[in-house]
Amino acid sequence: MTATSDLDAPAIARRSPAEESARRRRRWRHLPQYVAVSPFFLLFAVFGLYPVFYSLYLSLQRWDGVGPMKFVGLENFRYLLTDSQFWDSIANTLIIWVMSTVPMTVLALLIALGLNSSIRFKGVLRVAYFMPNVTSIVAMSLVFGSIFSGEFGILNWILDLFGFGHVPWLTDPWGIRCAIAIMIIWRWTGYNAIIFLAGLQALPTDVYEAARVDGASPVQTFFRITLPLLRPVLLFSLVMSAIGGLQIFTESQVLLGDRGGPGGAGLTMVLYFYGTAFADNDFGYGAAIAWGIFVVVVLFSILNWRLVQRPERGQVTIKEDMR
């Protein structure tokens, strides 16, 4: 082995200039492609990675945004673990998420099933259902503020017509949460319906034909075929709803202000972060809250994924599944 290596070494060292030139060309042949995609990575590093690392550095400081920073170590995170307002904001966010996600998912699935059937003007209906998602959140919140107004709101006027009386939508804790949940449902139902519709159109038709041959009813077909096959799409929708629902901000801020309304019933995690950092000028603790929100979102997304995702049980025939 030693003799062979000694013999090969001079051969490797005595490469011709043409071979060296070919090696250099091969090394740099993908340089134009790297240069073409480099602006994205540069912008991501400046506007993405740098703020992330700087917020972590800022969470170790006490800073009002004007004077010098004061290093406090993990003191902001220690206080965060005992901050009752932060835990209340987590509870409010989770309650609003449940109140909005469950009916939104059911409505979106029903709309997708309707759009997947043989009805007319399906293209117009898809655009109409998707329109709320591209509407300005601020404008939408202002409109819903007039709808849920306690004295002159349109919703209370309709309730009065049917003899139900006024509902304190923006002063009662549960009224506030219902108002925010309705706004979220209005905005995201059409988006999820389009996602579900794409999933339904990708399902194999031969499975449904076999189910009809075996005498399966529409209800059995939906629960035993459509829902199991649509599980990846449902998983995607629920995970994205969890990530977005835990970052509710604009609806609460425009509708109720920086403190989440009376009793803080509409104080979500992101709204608490905004009020602490930009209203109270406590940027160090605000950065710590932001990292706390990040941890909560990651843990909740993993939990959501684990609850929805199930191990595959293997392939079964439609006839066996209908028993």
Protein backbone atom coordinates (compact mmCIF):
# COMPACT_ATOMS: atom_id res chain seq x y z
CA MET A 1 0.00 0.00 0.00
CA THR A 2 2.82 2.39 0.84
CA ALA A 3 4.62 1.70 -2.42
CA THR A 4 1.47 2.21 -4.46
CA SER A 5 0.71 5.49 -2.70
CA ASP A 6 4.26 6.68 -3.33
CA LEU A 7 3.90 5.87 -7.01
CA ASP A 8 0.48 7.60 -7.32
CA ALA A 9 1.53 10.80 -5.58
CA PRO A 10 3.83 12.08 -8.38
CA ALA A 11 1.11 11.28 -10.94
CA ILE A 12 -1.41 13.38 -9.02
CA ALA A 13 1.09 16.17 -8.62
CA ARG A 14 1.97 16.12 -12.34
CA ARG A 15 -1.48 17.22 -13.64
CA SER A 16 -1.39 18.97 -16.95
CA PRO A 17 -2.39 22.66 -17.26
CA ALA A 18 -5.42 21.62 -19.30
CA GLU A 19 -6.62 19.34 -16.48
CA GLU A 20 -6.12 22.10 -13.92
CA SER A 21 -8.03 24.53 -16.10
CA ALA A 22 -10.89 22.01 -16.50
CA ARG A 23 -11.01 21.54 -12.73
CA ARG A 24 -11.30 25.28 -12.19
CA ARG A 25 -14.06 25.56 -14.79
CA ARG A 26 -16.00 22.75 -13.13
CA ARG A 27 -15.59 24.45 -9.77
CA TRP A 28 -17.02 27.76 -10.99
CA ARG A 29 -19.54 26.56 -13.59
CA HIS A 30 -22.48 27.09 -11.19
CA LEU A 31 -21.36 30.57 -10.16
CA PRO A 32 -23.98 32.39 -12.33
CA GLN A 33 -26.79 30.43 -10.67
CA TYR A 34 -25.45 31.23 -7.20
CA VAL A 35 -25.15 34.90 -8.11
CA ALA A 36 -28.73 34.87 -9.43
CA VAL A 37 -30.19 33.56 -6.14
CA SER A 38 -27.83 35.48 -3.85
CA PRO A 39 -30.07 38.60 -3.52
CA PHE A 40 -32.70 36.55 -1.71
CA PHE A 41 -30.20 35.20 0.80
CA LEU A 42 -28.67 38.62 1.33
CA LEU A 43 -32.07 40.20 1.96
CA PHE A 44 -33.06 37.30 4.20
CA ALA A 45 -29.86 37.69 6.21
CA VAL A 46 -30.40 41.43 6.65
CA PHE A 47 -34.16 41.48 7.25
CA GLY A 48 -34.66 37.96 8.62
CA LEU A 49 -31.69 36.48 10.47
CA TYR A 50 -30.27 39.70 11.86
CA PRO A 51 -33.54 40.80 13.57
CA VAL A 52 -33.93 37.32 15.07
CA PHE A 53 -30.48 37.31 16.64
CA TYR A 54 -30.75 40.96 17.64
CA SER A 55 -34.07 40.31 19.40
CA LEU A 56 -32.38 37.53 21.36
CA TYR A 57 -29.62 39.95 22.34
CA LEU A 58 -32.21 42.60 23.18
CA SER A 59 -34.11 40.20 25.44
CA LEU A 60 -31.06 40.13 27.71
CA GLN A 61 -31.13 43.92 28.12
CA ARG A 62 -33.31 46.56 29.74
CA TRP A 63 -33.85 49.33 27.21
CA ASP A 64 -36.44 52.06 26.66
CA GLY A 65 -35.46 52.67 23.05
CA VAL A 66 -33.62 55.95 23.73
CA GLY A 67 -31.04 55.64 26.50
CA PRO A 68 -28.19 53.16 26.89
CA MET A 69 -28.93 49.46 27.27
CA LYS A 70 -28.44 47.75 30.61
CA PHE A 71 -27.52 44.08 30.63
CA VAL A 72 -29.82 42.07 32.94
CA GLY A 73 -29.11 38.53 31.76
CA LEU A 74 -32.08 36.17 32.04
CA GLU A 75 -34.03 38.49 34.34
CA ASN A 76 -36.62 39.26 31.62
CA PHE A 77 -37.28 35.56 31.06
CA ARG A 78 -37.55 34.89 34.80
CA TYR A 79 -40.16 37.61 35.11
CA LEU A 80 -41.95 36.30 32.02
CA LEU A 81 -42.53 32.92 33.70
CA THR A 82 -44.30 34.63 36.63
CA ASP A 83 -46.08 37.36 34.64
CA SER A 84 -49.82 36.79 35.13
CA GLN A 85 -50.69 39.08 32.21
CA PHE A 86 -48.62 36.97 29.83
CA TRP A 87 -50.37 33.78 30.95
CA ASP A 88 -53.75 35.52 30.67
CA SER A 89 -52.87 36.53 27.12
CA ILE A 90 -52.02 32.90 26.32
CA ALA A 91 -55.38 31.78 27.73
CA ASN A 92 -57.25 34.45 25.74
CA THR A 93 -55.43 33.49 22.56
CA LEU A 94 -56.17 29.78 22.97
CA ILE A 95 -59.84 30.43 23.75
CA ILE A 96 -60.25 32.65 20.69
CA TRP A 97 -58.39 30.09 18.58
CA VAL A 98 -60.75 27.27 19.61
CA MET A 99 -63.84 29.47 19.16
CA SER A 100 -62.74 30.40 15.64
CA THR A 101 -60.94 27.31 14.30
CA VAL A 102 -63.58 24.65 15.00
CA PRO A 103 -66.53 26.36 13.25
CA MET A 104 -64.22 27.74 10.55
CA THR A 105 -62.94 24.26 9.66
CA VAL A 106 -66.46 22.80 9.55
CA LEU A 107 -67.80 25.65 7.41
CA ALA A 108 -64.80 25.53 5.07
CA LEU A 109 -65.22 21.79 4.58
CA LEU A 110 -68.96 22.15 3.84
CA ILE A 111 -68.25 24.95 1.36
CA ALA A 112 -65.54 22.87 -0.32
CA LEU A 113 -67.93 19.92 -0.66
CA GLY A 114 -70.51 22.23 -2.22
CA LEU A 115 -68.01 23.73 -4.65
CA ASN A 116 -66.78 20.24 -5.56
CA SER A 117 -70.28 19.18 -6.60
CA SER A 118 -71.91 19.90 -9.93
CA ILE A 119 -73.18 23.44 -9.33
CA ARG A 120 -73.15 26.45 -11.62
CA PHE A 121 -70.90 29.52 -11.33
CA LYS A 122 -68.24 27.65 -9.34
CA GLY A 123 -65.51 30.02 -10.52
CA VAL A 124 -67.43 33.10 -9.36
CA LEU A 125 -68.19 31.46 -6.00
CA ARG A 126 -64.52 30.57 -5.45
CA VAL A 127 -63.50 34.19 -6.00
CA ALA A 128 -66.32 35.42 -3.75
CA TYR A 129 -65.35 33.09 -0.91
CA PHE A 130 -61.67 34.04 -1.22
CA MET A 131 -62.28 37.81 -1.26
CA PRO A 132 -62.38 38.28 2.56
CA ASN A 133 -58.85 36.88 2.79
CA VAL A 134 -57.40 39.62 0.58
CA THR A 135 -59.41 42.41 2.22
CA SER A 136 -57.50 44.85 4.42
CA ILE A 137 -57.58 43.65 8.04
CA VAL A 138 -57.68 47.20 9.36
CA ALA A 139 -60.64 48.13 7.16
CA MET A 140 -62.37 44.90 8.09
CA SER A 141 -61.84 45.57 11.81
CA LEU A 142 -63.33 49.07 11.47
CA VAL A 143 -66.39 47.67 9.72
CA PHE A 144 -66.84 44.96 12.33
CA GLY A 145 -66.41 47.59 15.04
CA SER A 146 -69.53 49.32 13.75
CA ILE A 147 -71.33 46.01 13.45
CA PHE A 148 -70.59 45.00 17.07
CA SER A 149 -71.11 48.45 18.58
CA GLY A 150 -73.14 48.18 21.78
CA GLU A 151 -75.56 51.05 21.23
CA PHE A 152 -75.72 51.62 17.48
CA GLY A 153 -74.36 48.36 16.08
CA ILE A 154 -76.10 46.64 13.19
CA LEU A 155 -75.97 43.27 14.93
CA ASN A 156 -77.72 44.53 18.06
CA TRP A 157 -80.32 46.25 15.86
CA ILE A 158 -81.07 42.90 14.19
CA LEU A 159 -81.24 41.18 17.58
CA ASP A 160 -83.70 43.84 18.77
CA LEU A 161 -85.94 43.09 15.79
CA PHE A 162 -86.26 39.49 16.96
CA GLY A 163 -86.69 40.46 20.61
CA PHE A 164 -83.31 39.24 21.93
CA GLY A 165 -82.15 42.58 23.33
CA HIS A 166 -78.71 44.17 23.29
CA VAL A 167 -75.55 42.10 23.68
CA PRO A 168 -72.45 43.86 25.13
CA TRP A 169 -70.14 42.63 22.38
CA LEU A 170 -67.24 44.98 23.12
CA THR A 171 -67.58 45.27 26.91
CA ASP A 172 -68.30 41.72 28.07
CA PRO A 173 -65.31 39.28 28.11
CA TRP A 174 -67.11 36.54 26.19
CA GLY A 175 -68.71 39.06 23.86
CA ILE A 176 -65.25 40.40 23.01
CA ARG A 177 -63.93 36.90 22.31
CA CYS A 178 -66.95 36.04 20.18
CA ALA A 179 -66.53 39.23 18.16
CA ILE A 180 -62.87 38.52 17.44
CA ALA A 181 -63.62 34.86 16.63
CA ILE A 182 -66.37 35.88 14.17
CA MET A 183 -63.94 38.24 12.44
CA ILE A 184 -61.39 35.44 12.09
CA ILE A 185 -64.03 33.02 10.78
CA TRP A 186 -65.20 35.58 8.22
CA ARG A 187 -61.69 36.16 6.96
CA TRP A 188 -60.25 32.63 6.81
CA THR A 189 -63.19 30.35 5.96
CA GLY A 190 -62.95 31.00 2.22
CA TYR A 191 -59.18 30.49 2.20
CA ASN A 192 -59.46 27.10 3.90
CA ALA A 193 -62.38 26.17 1.66
CA ILE A 194 -60.18 26.65 -1.41
CA ILE A 195 -57.45 24.51 0.22
CA PHE A 196 -59.97 21.76 1.00
CA LEU A 197 -61.40 22.00 -2.52
CA ALA A 198 -57.94 21.42 -4.01
CA GLY A 199 -57.56 18.38 -1.74
CA LEU A 200 -60.97 17.00 -2.73
CA GLN A 201 -60.23 17.34 -6.44
CA ALA A 202 -57.00 15.37 -5.98
CA LEU A 203 -58.73 12.34 -4.42
CA PRO A 204 -58.88 9.20 -6.60
CA THR A 205 -62.30 8.61 -8.17
CA ASP A 206 -61.98 4.82 -8.35
CA VAL A 207 -62.30 4.59 -4.55
CA TYR A 208 -65.68 6.33 -4.68
CA GLU A 209 -66.83 4.11 -7.53
CA ALA A 210 -65.93 1.03 -5.51
CA ALA A 211 -67.81 2.45 -2.52
CA ARG A 212 -70.94 3.01 -4.62
CA VAL A 213 -70.71 -0.55 -5.91
CA ASP A 214 -70.49 -1.81 -2.32
CA GLY A 215 -73.61 0.16 -1.42
CA ALA A 216 -72.04 2.87 0.74
CA SER A 217 -74.28 5.82 1.59
CA PRO A 218 -73.06 9.44 1.12
CA VAL A 219 -72.57 9.78 4.89
CA GLN A 220 -70.49 6.59 5.05
CA THR A 221 -68.49 7.70 2.03
CA PHE A 222 -67.72 11.05 3.66
CA PHE A 223 -66.64 9.72 7.05
CA ARG A 224 -64.90 6.54 5.90
CA ILE A 225 -63.30 7.66 2.63
CA THR A 226 -63.25 11.44 2.18
CA LEU A 227 -62.07 12.41 5.66
CA PRO A 228 -59.31 9.76 5.93
CA LEU A 229 -57.98 10.60 2.46
CA LEU A 230 -58.23 14.32 3.20
CA ARG A 231 -56.22 13.97 6.43
CA PRO A 232 -52.97 15.53 5.07
CA VAL A 233 -54.90 18.60 3.90
CA LEU A 234 -56.72 18.83 7.23
CA LEU A 235 -53.40 18.54 9.03
CA PHE A 236 -51.93 21.36 6.95
CA SER A 237 -54.98 23.55 7.58
CA LEU A 238 -55.01 22.95 11.34
CA VAL A 239 -51.28 23.52 11.74
CA MET A 240 -51.42 26.74 9.72
CA SER A 241 -54.51 27.82 11.66
CA ALA A 242 -52.66 27.15 14.91
CA ILE A 243 -49.66 29.21 13.79
CA GLY A 244 -51.82 32.07 12.55
CA GLY A 245 -54.38 31.88 15.35
CA LEU A 246 -51.71 32.20 18.03
CA GLN A 247 -50.53 35.43 16.38
CA ILE A 248 -53.84 37.31 16.44
CA PHE A 249 -53.12 41.02 16.62
CA THR A 250 -54.82 43.40 14.21
CA GLU A 251 -58.38 42.36 15.01
CA SER A 252 -57.88 42.96 18.73
CA GLN A 253 -55.76 46.09 18.35
CA VAL A 254 -58.08 47.96 15.99
CA LEU A 255 -61.26 46.78 17.65
CA LEU A 256 -60.25 47.16 21.31
CA GLY A 257 -56.99 49.13 21.57
CA ASP A 258 -53.56 48.26 22.91
CA ARG A 259 -54.85 46.78 26.20
CA GLY A 260 -57.39 44.34 24.78
CA GLY A 261 -60.56 46.05 25.91
CA PRO A 262 -62.33 45.94 29.31
CA GLY A 263 -60.72 43.39 31.61
CA GLY A 264 -58.13 42.53 28.97
CA ALA A 265 -60.46 39.86 27.51
CA GLY A 266 -59.13 40.59 24.01
CA LEU A 267 -55.48 40.80 25.06
CA THR A 268 -53.71 38.26 22.87
CA MET A 269 -50.03 37.31 23.10
CA VAL A 270 -48.93 39.46 20.17
CA LEU A 271 -51.04 42.40 21.38
CA TYR A 272 -49.39 42.11 24.81
CA PHE A 273 -45.99 42.12 23.13
CA TYR A 274 -46.94 45.19 21.08
CA GLY A 275 -48.26 47.09 24.11
CA THR A 276 -45.19 46.27 26.19
CA ALA A 277 -42.61 47.13 23.54
CA PHE A 278 -44.18 50.04 21.64
CA ALA A 279 -46.65 51.53 24.13
CA ASP A 280 -44.67 51.08 27.37
CA ASN A 281 -41.27 51.42 25.59
CA ASP A 282 -39.91 48.32 27.35
CA PHE A 283 -38.10 46.80 24.40
CA GLY A 284 -36.02 44.33 26.40
CA TYR A 285 -39.01 42.68 28.03
CA GLY A 286 -40.93 42.95 24.77
CA ALA A 287 -38.22 40.91 23.05
CA ALA A 288 -38.49 38.31 25.82
CA ILE A 289 -42.26 38.15 25.25
CA ALA A 290 -41.64 37.65 21.52
CA TRP A 291 -39.41 34.65 22.26
CA GLY A 292 -42.03 33.33 24.66
CA ILE A 293 -44.61 33.57 21.87
CA PHE A 294 -42.24 31.71 19.56
CA VAL A 295 -41.89 28.84 22.05
CA VAL A 296 -45.67 28.65 22.60
CA VAL A 297 -46.36 28.57 18.85
CA VAL A 298 -43.80 25.82 18.25
CA LEU A 299 -45.03 23.66 21.13
CA PHE A 300 -48.68 24.14 20.20
CA SER A 301 -48.01 23.35 16.53
CA ILE A 302 -46.19 20.14 17.48
CA LEU A 303 -49.03 19.16 19.84
CA ASN A 304 -51.59 19.92 17.15
CA TRP A 305 -49.69 17.85 14.62
CA ARG A 306 -49.37 14.91 17.03
CA LEU A 307 -53.09 14.95 17.84
CA VAL A 308 -54.21 15.06 14.21
CA GLN A 309 -51.60 12.82 12.62
CA ARG A 310 -52.24 9.09 13.03
CA PRO A 311 -50.10 6.15 12.01
CA GLU A 312 -51.12 4.40 8.87
CA ARG A 313 -52.86 1.09 9.46
CA GLY A 314 -52.19 -0.35 6.08
CA GLN A 315 -54.44 -0.74 3.09
CA VAL A 316 -57.92 -2.11 3.60
CA THR A 317 -60.59 -2.79 1.06
CA ILE A 318 -63.67 -0.64 0.86
CA LYS A 319 -65.85 -3.60 1.69
CA GLU A 320 -63.93 -4.29 4.90
CA ASP A 321 -64.07 -0.61 5.84
CA MET A 322 -67.84 -0.51 5.38
CA ARG A 323 -68.50 -3.25 7.93
